[in-house]
Amino acid sequence: MDRTMKTESQPKRATISLTHLTLSDDFQVRRKLDQPTISRYENALKSGASLPPVTVAKVDGVFILVDGYHRVAARERLGETVIEAEVIETTREGALGMAAMANLSHGLPLKNSEIREVFRMYIKARKHIMGRGKLKSYRVIGQELGKPKSTILNWMRKDFPRIAQRYGGNEEFTGDGGLQEMDTRSSPALKAGLEKIAEFREAYRSITCPEAKRELAKAFTDTARDLLGDGWHEVSEDF
């Protein structure tokens, strides 16, 4: 089971103040809002029509808007102060995954550059990882994002080269979701350790705060130094 799914609550309908919503570029794939769409929603509300609730991720007590930016903008134009929302309590990774997938199945069609941003959110949310660290194939990821396998392969190599290295050169991926085979039968702890390191690397790449990245990198290097003792050599923080 995906790690992000373990901590997600069932959606709960709630009325939320617009001032309590966090609207962040980290969770918005569109380059800019479409003004005709906002006007269409505004006119619908003026005529008494109802719009679907927006989707909100509750992360550590913060209400993050992950779907419904145009609906929020329309209500703000009308001077409204609250909005109906489906609230899901989850992790930051879960919220990124929700934001990545929100506009693929409905709403204003995304531009190719925006789908590229969906892909980046998708990877940062670890949605390319199945149970027990297995990787989805490029073909499966492409089917979920609506792009050909070759496009996903190229994006992965350019945007996440270290993850692309885990896939190797086999583009079809059989067996363990594209993971390179290694003989860990004599040391299952080795395999578990390598998987945890890979998880750490991806978590590090998903952090946007420079101070937080440095703190996490320092904790990692301090741990490695303790383990290796005098054999340790300082390395770059670019995980």
C-alpha atoms as a PDB file:
ATOM      1  CA  MET A   1       0.000   0.000   0.000  1.00  0.00           C
ATOM      2  CA  ASP A   2       1.184   3.529  -0.819  1.00  0.00           C
ATOM      3  CA  ARG A   3       2.566   5.219   2.302  1.00  0.00           C
ATOM      4  CA  THR A   4       0.518   8.352   1.615  1.00  0.00           C
ATOM      5  CA  MET A   5      -2.712   6.381   1.607  1.00  0.00           C
ATOM      6  CA  LYS A   6      -2.167   4.996   5.107  1.00  0.00           C
ATOM      7  CA  THR A   7      -2.561   8.391   6.728  1.00  0.00           C
ATOM      8  CA  GLU A   8      -5.454   9.774   4.666  1.00  0.00           C
ATOM      9  CA  SER A   9      -8.832  10.213   6.331  1.00  0.00           C
ATOM     10  CA  GLN A  10     -12.191   9.806   4.662  1.00  0.00           C
ATOM     11  CA  PRO A  11     -13.414  13.038   3.007  1.00  0.00           C
ATOM     12  CA  LYS A  12     -15.529  15.214   5.276  1.00  0.00           C
ATOM     13  CA  ARG A  13     -17.847  17.958   4.008  1.00  0.00           C
ATOM     14  CA  ALA A  14     -17.246  21.299   5.739  1.00  0.00           C
ATOM     15  CA  THR A  15     -17.841  25.016   5.285  1.00  0.00           C
ATOM     16  CA  ILE A  16     -14.476  26.791   5.386  1.00  0.00           C
ATOM     17  CA  SER A  17     -13.640  30.474   5.584  1.00  0.00           C
ATOM     18  CA  LEU A  18     -11.739  31.632   2.515  1.00  0.00           C
ATOM     19  CA  THR A  19      -9.243  33.357   4.789  1.00  0.00           C
ATOM     20  CA  HIS A  20      -8.369  29.983   6.344  1.00  0.00           C
ATOM     21  CA  LEU A  21      -7.456  28.418   3.000  1.00  0.00           C
ATOM     22  CA  THR A  22      -3.804  28.169   2.021  1.00  0.00           C
ATOM     23  CA  LEU A  23      -3.306  28.752  -1.718  1.00  0.00           C
ATOM     24  CA  SER A  24       0.238  27.759  -2.603  1.00  0.00           C
ATOM     25  CA  ASP A  25       2.079  27.445  -5.895  1.00  0.00           C
ATOM     26  CA  ASP A  26       3.505  24.181  -4.528  1.00  0.00           C
ATOM     27  CA  PHE A  27       0.040  22.637  -4.979  1.00  0.00           C
ATOM     28  CA  GLN A  28      -1.087  24.475  -8.117  1.00  0.00           C
ATOM     29  CA  VAL A  29      -0.150  23.046 -11.518  1.00  0.00           C
ATOM     30  CA  ARG A  30      -1.656  25.804 -13.642  1.00  0.00           C
ATOM     31  CA  ARG A  31       0.601  28.655 -14.715  1.00  0.00           C
ATOM     32  CA  LYS A  32      -2.256  31.116 -14.269  1.00  0.00           C
ATOM     33  CA  LEU A  33      -5.991  31.042 -13.708  1.00  0.00           C
ATOM     34  CA  ASP A  34      -8.308  31.198 -16.707  1.00  0.00           C
ATOM     35  CA  GLN A  35     -10.322  34.408 -16.451  1.00  0.00           C
ATOM     36  CA  PRO A  36     -13.244  33.262 -18.687  1.00  0.00           C
ATOM     37  CA  THR A  37     -13.650  30.202 -16.451  1.00  0.00           C
ATOM     38  CA  ILE A  38     -13.757  32.394 -13.345  1.00  0.00           C
ATOM     39  CA  SER A  39     -16.369  34.625 -15.004  1.00  0.00           C
ATOM     40  CA  ARG A  40     -18.443  31.586 -16.000  1.00  0.00           C
ATOM     41  CA  TYR A  41     -18.429  30.310 -12.408  1.00  0.00           C
ATOM     42  CA  GLU A  42     -19.233  33.811 -11.126  1.00  0.00           C
ATOM     43  CA  ASN A  43     -22.263  34.102 -13.412  1.00  0.00           C
ATOM     44  CA  ALA A  44     -23.431  30.625 -12.417  1.00  0.00           C
ATOM     45  CA  LEU A  45     -23.300  31.575  -8.742  1.00  0.00           C
ATOM     46  CA  LYS A  46     -25.159  34.835  -9.420  1.00  0.00           C
ATOM     47  CA  SER A  47     -27.950  32.862 -11.083  1.00  0.00           C
ATOM     48  CA  GLY A  48     -28.323  30.659  -8.028  1.00  0.00           C
ATOM     49  CA  ALA A  49     -26.559  27.596  -9.384  1.00  0.00           C
ATOM     50  CA  SER A  50     -24.442  25.471  -7.079  1.00  0.00           C
ATOM     51  CA  LEU A  51     -20.867  24.449  -7.783  1.00  0.00           C
ATOM     52  CA  PRO A  52     -19.141  21.270  -6.603  1.00  0.00           C
ATOM     53  CA  PRO A  53     -17.227  21.632  -3.330  1.00  0.00           C
ATOM     54  CA  VAL A  54     -13.536  22.360  -3.580  1.00  0.00           C
ATOM     55  CA  THR A  55     -11.030  19.800  -2.332  1.00  0.00           C
ATOM     56  CA  VAL A  56      -8.892  20.666   0.665  1.00  0.00           C
ATOM     57  CA  ALA A  57      -6.037  18.739   2.242  1.00  0.00           C
ATOM     58  CA  LYS A  58      -5.615  19.226   5.978  1.00  0.00           C
ATOM     59  CA  VAL A  59      -1.895  18.859   6.720  1.00  0.00           C
ATOM     60  CA  ASP A  60      -0.751  19.405  10.309  1.00  0.00           C
ATOM     61  CA  GLY A  61      -3.751  21.636  10.947  1.00  0.00           C
ATOM     62  CA  VAL A  62      -3.277  23.713   7.771  1.00  0.00           C
ATOM     63  CA  PHE A  63      -6.080  23.723   5.156  1.00  0.00           C
ATOM     64  CA  ILE A  64      -4.407  23.520   1.727  1.00  0.00           C
ATOM     65  CA  LEU A  65      -6.496  24.028  -1.401  1.00  0.00           C
ATOM     66  CA  VAL A  66      -5.655  21.257  -3.875  1.00  0.00           C
ATOM     67  CA  ASP A  67      -8.585  21.540  -6.305  1.00  0.00           C
ATOM     68  CA  GLY A  68     -10.921  24.465  -6.953  1.00  0.00           C
ATOM     69  CA  TYR A  69      -8.816  27.572  -7.512  1.00  0.00           C
ATOM     70  CA  HIS A  70     -11.242  28.946 -10.121  1.00  0.00           C
ATOM     71  CA  ARG A  71     -14.239  28.345  -7.827  1.00  0.00           C
ATOM     72  CA  VAL A  72     -12.493  30.142  -4.958  1.00  0.00           C
ATOM     73  CA  ALA A  73     -11.620  33.075  -7.233  1.00  0.00           C
ATOM     74  CA  ALA A  74     -15.241  33.343  -8.386  1.00  0.00           C
ATOM     75  CA  ARG A  75     -16.536  33.502  -4.819  1.00  0.00           C
ATOM     76  CA  GLU A  76     -13.898  36.083  -3.896  1.00  0.00           C
ATOM     77  CA  ARG A  77     -15.060  38.270  -6.799  1.00  0.00           C
ATOM     78  CA  LEU A  78     -18.578  38.120  -5.391  1.00  0.00           C
ATOM     79  CA  GLY A  79     -17.359  39.129  -1.962  1.00  0.00           C
ATOM     80  CA  GLU A  80     -18.263  35.813  -0.385  1.00  0.00           C
ATOM     81  CA  THR A  81     -16.331  34.688   2.684  1.00  0.00           C
ATOM     82  CA  VAL A  82     -16.907  30.916   2.913  1.00  0.00           C
ATOM     83  CA  ILE A  83     -16.946  27.910   0.597  1.00  0.00           C
ATOM     84  CA  GLU A  84     -18.094  24.305   0.757  1.00  0.00           C
ATOM     85  CA  ALA A  85     -15.203  21.848   0.755  1.00  0.00           C
ATOM     86  CA  GLU A  86     -14.362  18.170   0.904  1.00  0.00           C
ATOM     87  CA  VAL A  87     -11.634  17.996   3.536  1.00  0.00           C
ATOM     88  CA  ILE A  88      -9.154  15.118   3.649  1.00  0.00           C
ATOM     89  CA  GLU A  89      -6.628  14.879   6.465  1.00  0.00           C
ATOM     90  CA  THR A  90      -3.350  13.652   5.016  1.00  0.00           C
ATOM     91  CA  THR A  91       0.408  14.218   4.760  1.00  0.00           C
ATOM     92  CA  ARG A  92       2.225  16.753   2.589  1.00  0.00           C
ATOM     93  CA  GLU A  93       3.033  13.944   0.159  1.00  0.00           C
ATOM     94  CA  GLY A  94      -0.635  12.976   0.097  1.00  0.00           C
ATOM     95  CA  ALA A  95      -1.626  16.570  -0.608  1.00  0.00           C
ATOM     96  CA  LEU A  96       0.858  16.769  -3.487  1.00  0.00           C
ATOM     97  CA  GLY A  97      -0.617  13.596  -4.937  1.00  0.00           C
ATOM     98  CA  MET A  98      -4.141  14.973  -4.643  1.00  0.00           C
ATOM     99  CA  ALA A  99      -3.109  18.212  -6.335  1.00  0.00           C
ATOM    100  CA  ALA A 100      -1.301  16.343  -9.105  1.00  0.00           C
ATOM    101  CA  MET A 101      -4.302  14.251 -10.050  1.00  0.00           C
ATOM    102  CA  ALA A 102      -7.078  16.791  -9.405  1.00  0.00           C
ATOM    103  CA  ASN A 103      -7.275  18.347 -12.874  1.00  0.00           C
ATOM    104  CA  LEU A 104      -6.540  15.288 -14.995  1.00  0.00           C
ATOM    105  CA  SER A 105     -10.073  13.904 -14.925  1.00  0.00           C
ATOM    106  CA  HIS A 106     -12.153  17.100 -15.093  1.00  0.00           C
ATOM    107  CA  GLY A 107     -12.092  20.863 -15.404  1.00  0.00           C
ATOM    108  CA  LEU A 108     -10.211  23.116 -17.819  1.00  0.00           C
ATOM    109  CA  PRO A 109      -7.796  21.058 -19.955  1.00  0.00           C
ATOM    110  CA  LEU A 110      -4.159  21.332 -18.943  1.00  0.00           C
ATOM    111  CA  LYS A 111      -1.416  22.582 -21.204  1.00  0.00           C
ATOM    112  CA  ASN A 112       1.533  20.285 -21.838  1.00  0.00           C
ATOM    113  CA  SER A 113       3.762  22.378 -19.562  1.00  0.00           C
ATOM    114  CA  GLU A 114       1.154  22.042 -16.814  1.00  0.00           C
ATOM    115  CA  ILE A 115       1.003  18.278 -17.249  1.00  0.00           C
ATOM    116  CA  ARG A 116       4.781  18.334 -16.811  1.00  0.00           C
ATOM    117  CA  GLU A 117       4.180  20.016 -13.447  1.00  0.00           C
ATOM    118  CA  VAL A 118       1.593  17.340 -12.621  1.00  0.00           C
ATOM    119  CA  PHE A 119       4.303  14.763 -13.315  1.00  0.00           C
ATOM    120  CA  ARG A 120       6.705  16.506 -10.916  1.00  0.00           C
ATOM    121  CA  MET A 121       4.068  16.598  -8.177  1.00  0.00           C
ATOM    122  CA  TYR A 122       3.249  12.958  -8.893  1.00  0.00           C
ATOM    123  CA  ILE A 123       6.863  11.913  -8.314  1.00  0.00           C
ATOM    124  CA  LYS A 124       7.336  14.130  -5.244  1.00  0.00           C
ATOM    125  CA  ALA A 125       4.175  12.556  -3.831  1.00  0.00           C
ATOM    126  CA  ARG A 126       5.788   9.120  -4.360  1.00  0.00           C
ATOM    127  CA  LYS A 127       2.873   7.950  -6.475  1.00  0.00           C
ATOM    128  CA  HIS A 128       5.380   6.159  -8.724  1.00  0.00           C
ATOM    129  CA  ILE A 129       6.098   3.766  -5.844  1.00  0.00           C
ATOM    130  CA  MET A 130       3.886   0.791  -5.118  1.00  0.00           C
ATOM    131  CA  GLY A 131       3.991  -1.429  -2.058  1.00  0.00           C
ATOM    132  CA  ARG A 132       7.348  -2.459  -0.564  1.00  0.00           C
ATOM    133  CA  GLY A 133       9.292   0.063  -2.616  1.00  0.00           C
ATOM    134  CA  LYS A 134       8.412  -1.381  -6.032  1.00  0.00           C
ATOM    135  CA  LEU A 135       8.349   1.111  -8.894  1.00  0.00           C
ATOM    136  CA  LYS A 136       5.555   1.520 -11.378  1.00  0.00           C
ATOM    137  CA  SER A 137       6.674   1.198 -14.983  1.00  0.00           C
ATOM    138  CA  TYR A 138       6.884   4.262 -17.213  1.00  0.00           C
ATOM    139  CA  ARG A 139       4.001   2.794 -19.193  1.00  0.00           C
ATOM    140  CA  VAL A 140       1.734   2.652 -16.130  1.00  0.00           C
ATOM    141  CA  ILE A 141       2.706   6.174 -15.061  1.00  0.00           C
ATOM    142  CA  GLY A 142       1.974   7.378 -18.594  1.00  0.00           C
ATOM    143  CA  GLN A 143      -1.451   5.755 -18.525  1.00  0.00           C
ATOM    144  CA  GLU A 144      -2.266   7.487 -15.238  1.00  0.00           C
ATOM    145  CA  LEU A 145      -1.081  10.895 -16.486  1.00  0.00           C
ATOM    146  CA  GLY A 146      -2.358  10.552 -20.041  1.00  0.00           C
ATOM    147  CA  LYS A 147       1.072  10.772 -21.698  1.00  0.00           C
ATOM    148  CA  PRO A 148       3.078   8.255 -23.766  1.00  0.00           C
ATOM    149  CA  LYS A 149       5.738   6.132 -22.088  1.00  0.00           C
ATOM    150  CA  SER A 150       8.512   7.860 -24.035  1.00  0.00           C
ATOM    151  CA  THR A 151       7.478  11.260 -22.658  1.00  0.00           C
ATOM    152  CA  ILE A 152       7.474   9.979 -19.076  1.00  0.00           C
ATOM    153  CA  LEU A 153      10.916   8.417 -19.619  1.00  0.00           C
ATOM    154  CA  ASN A 154      12.348  11.701 -20.926  1.00  0.00           C
ATOM    155  CA  TRP A 155      10.786  13.749 -18.131  1.00  0.00           C
ATOM    156  CA  MET A 156      12.115  11.358 -15.496  1.00  0.00           C
ATOM    157  CA  ARG A 157      15.642  11.513 -16.889  1.00  0.00           C
ATOM    158  CA  LYS A 158      15.588  15.320 -16.974  1.00  0.00           C
ATOM    159  CA  ASP A 159      13.689  16.103 -13.764  1.00  0.00           C
ATOM    160  CA  PHE A 160      14.616  13.169 -11.515  1.00  0.00           C
ATOM    161  CA  PRO A 161      17.848  11.655 -12.854  1.00  0.00           C
ATOM    162  CA  ARG A 162      18.598   9.739  -9.683  1.00  0.00           C
ATOM    163  CA  ILE A 163      15.204   8.048  -9.741  1.00  0.00           C
ATOM    164  CA  ALA A 164      15.710   7.319 -13.452  1.00  0.00           C
ATOM    165  CA  GLN A 165      18.911   5.510 -12.504  1.00  0.00           C
ATOM    166  CA  ARG A 166      16.865   3.149 -10.348  1.00  0.00           C
ATOM    167  CA  TYR A 167      14.840   2.207 -13.397  1.00  0.00           C
ATOM    168  CA  GLY A 168      17.923   1.505 -15.508  1.00  0.00           C
ATOM    169  CA  GLY A 169      17.763   0.995 -19.236  1.00  0.00           C
ATOM    170  CA  ASN A 170      14.859  -1.439 -19.407  1.00  0.00           C
ATOM    171  CA  GLU A 171      11.849   0.572 -20.550  1.00  0.00           C
ATOM    172  CA  GLU A 172       9.285  -2.197 -20.287  1.00  0.00           C
ATOM    173  CA  PHE A 173      10.090  -3.237 -16.717  1.00  0.00           C
ATOM    174  CA  THR A 174       9.166  -6.739 -15.692  1.00  0.00           C
ATOM    175  CA  GLY A 175       9.414  -8.238 -12.244  1.00  0.00           C
ATOM    176  CA  ASP A 176       9.670  -5.823  -9.331  1.00  0.00           C
ATOM    177  CA  GLY A 177       8.243  -2.758 -11.032  1.00  0.00           C
ATOM    178  CA  GLY A 178      11.460  -1.876 -12.844  1.00  0.00           C
ATOM    179  CA  LEU A 179      13.838  -2.117  -9.901  1.00  0.00           C
ATOM    180  CA  GLN A 180      17.279  -3.377 -10.798  1.00  0.00           C
ATOM    181  CA  GLU A 181      17.709  -6.947  -9.638  1.00  0.00           C
ATOM    182  CA  MET A 182      20.288  -7.559  -6.924  1.00  0.00           C
ATOM    183  CA  ASP A 183      21.105 -10.591  -4.882  1.00  0.00           C
ATOM    184  CA  THR A 184      19.935  -9.724  -1.384  1.00  0.00           C
ATOM    185  CA  ARG A 185      18.874 -13.202  -0.326  1.00  0.00           C
ATOM    186  CA  SER A 186      21.848 -13.460   1.995  1.00  0.00           C
ATOM    187  CA  SER A 187      21.211 -10.006   3.461  1.00  0.00           C
ATOM    188  CA  PRO A 188      17.563  -8.873   3.509  1.00  0.00           C
ATOM    189  CA  ALA A 189      18.626  -6.060   5.844  1.00  0.00           C
ATOM    190  CA  LEU A 190      20.788  -4.667   3.015  1.00  0.00           C
ATOM    191  CA  LYS A 191      17.819  -4.487   0.678  1.00  0.00           C
ATOM    192  CA  ALA A 192      15.662  -2.866   3.364  1.00  0.00           C
ATOM    193  CA  GLY A 193      18.407  -0.332   4.114  1.00  0.00           C
ATOM    194  CA  LEU A 194      18.868   0.621   0.470  1.00  0.00           C
ATOM    195  CA  GLU A 195      15.120   1.104   0.085  1.00  0.00           C
ATOM    196  CA  LYS A 196      15.073   3.390   3.124  1.00  0.00           C
ATOM    197  CA  ILE A 197      17.929   5.447   1.705  1.00  0.00           C
ATOM    198  CA  ALA A 198      16.023   5.810  -1.567  1.00  0.00           C
ATOM    199  CA  GLU A 199      12.974   6.969   0.397  1.00  0.00           C
ATOM    200  CA  PHE A 200      15.114   9.515   2.244  1.00  0.00           C
ATOM    201  CA  ARG A 201      16.521  10.870  -1.023  1.00  0.00           C
ATOM    202  CA  GLU A 202      13.063  11.397  -2.485  1.00  0.00           C
ATOM    203  CA  ALA A 203      11.802  13.005   0.729  1.00  0.00           C
ATOM    204  CA  TYR A 204      14.791  15.369   0.661  1.00  0.00           C
ATOM    205  CA  ARG A 205      14.077  16.377  -2.946  1.00  0.00           C
ATOM    206  CA  SER A 206      10.432  17.152  -2.075  1.00  0.00           C
ATOM    207  CA  ILE A 207      11.373  19.746   0.582  1.00  0.00           C
ATOM    208  CA  THR A 208      11.168  23.351  -0.650  1.00  0.00           C
ATOM    209  CA  CYS A 209      12.530  25.127   2.450  1.00  0.00           C
ATOM    210  CA  PRO A 210      16.349  25.550   2.198  1.00  0.00           C
ATOM    211  CA  GLU A 211      16.775  25.522   5.972  1.00  0.00           C
ATOM    212  CA  ALA A 212      14.811  22.299   6.287  1.00  0.00           C
ATOM    213  CA  LYS A 213      16.864  20.701   3.492  1.00  0.00           C
ATOM    214  CA  ARG A 214      20.099  21.618   5.248  1.00  0.00           C
ATOM    215  CA  GLU A 215      18.822  20.270   8.564  1.00  0.00           C
ATOM    216  CA  LEU A 216      17.793  16.968   7.009  1.00  0.00           C
ATOM    217  CA  ALA A 217      21.056  16.687   5.061  1.00  0.00           C
ATOM    218  CA  LYS A 218      23.046  17.360   8.248  1.00  0.00           C
ATOM    219  CA  ALA A 219      21.151  14.644  10.134  1.00  0.00           C
ATOM    220  CA  PHE A 220      21.910  12.205   7.321  1.00  0.00           C
ATOM    221  CA  THR A 221      25.600  13.069   7.113  1.00  0.00           C
ATOM    222  CA  ASP A 222      25.994  12.945  10.909  1.00  0.00           C
ATOM    223  CA  THR A 223      24.443   9.480  10.941  1.00  0.00           C
ATOM    224  CA  ALA A 224      26.680   8.303   8.101  1.00  0.00           C
ATOM    225  CA  ARG A 225      29.748   9.722   9.838  1.00  0.00           C
ATOM    226  CA  ASP A 226      28.874   7.859  13.047  1.00  0.00           C
ATOM    227  CA  LEU A 227      28.432   4.613  11.124  1.00  0.00           C
ATOM    228  CA  LEU A 228      31.600   4.864   9.057  1.00  0.00           C
ATOM    229  CA  GLY A 229      33.849   6.447  11.653  1.00  0.00           C
ATOM    230  CA  ASP A 230      37.270   7.479  10.350  1.00  0.00           C
ATOM    231  CA  GLY A 231      36.438   6.170   6.889  1.00  0.00           C
ATOM    232  CA  TRP A 232      33.876   8.917   6.318  1.00  0.00           C
ATOM    233  CA  HIS A 233      34.419  11.516   3.579  1.00  0.00           C
ATOM    234  CA  GLU A 234      32.155  14.574   3.272  1.00  0.00           C
ATOM    235  CA  VAL A 235      29.931  14.537   0.195  1.00  0.00           C
ATOM    236  CA  SER A 236      27.636  17.029  -1.516  1.00  0.00           C
ATOM    237  CA  GLU A 237      24.157  17.661  -0.116  1.00  0.00           C
ATOM    238  CA  ASP A 238      22.637  17.125  -3.594  1.00  0.00           C
ATOM    239  CA  PHE A 239      20.785  13.914  -2.927  1.00  0.00           C
END
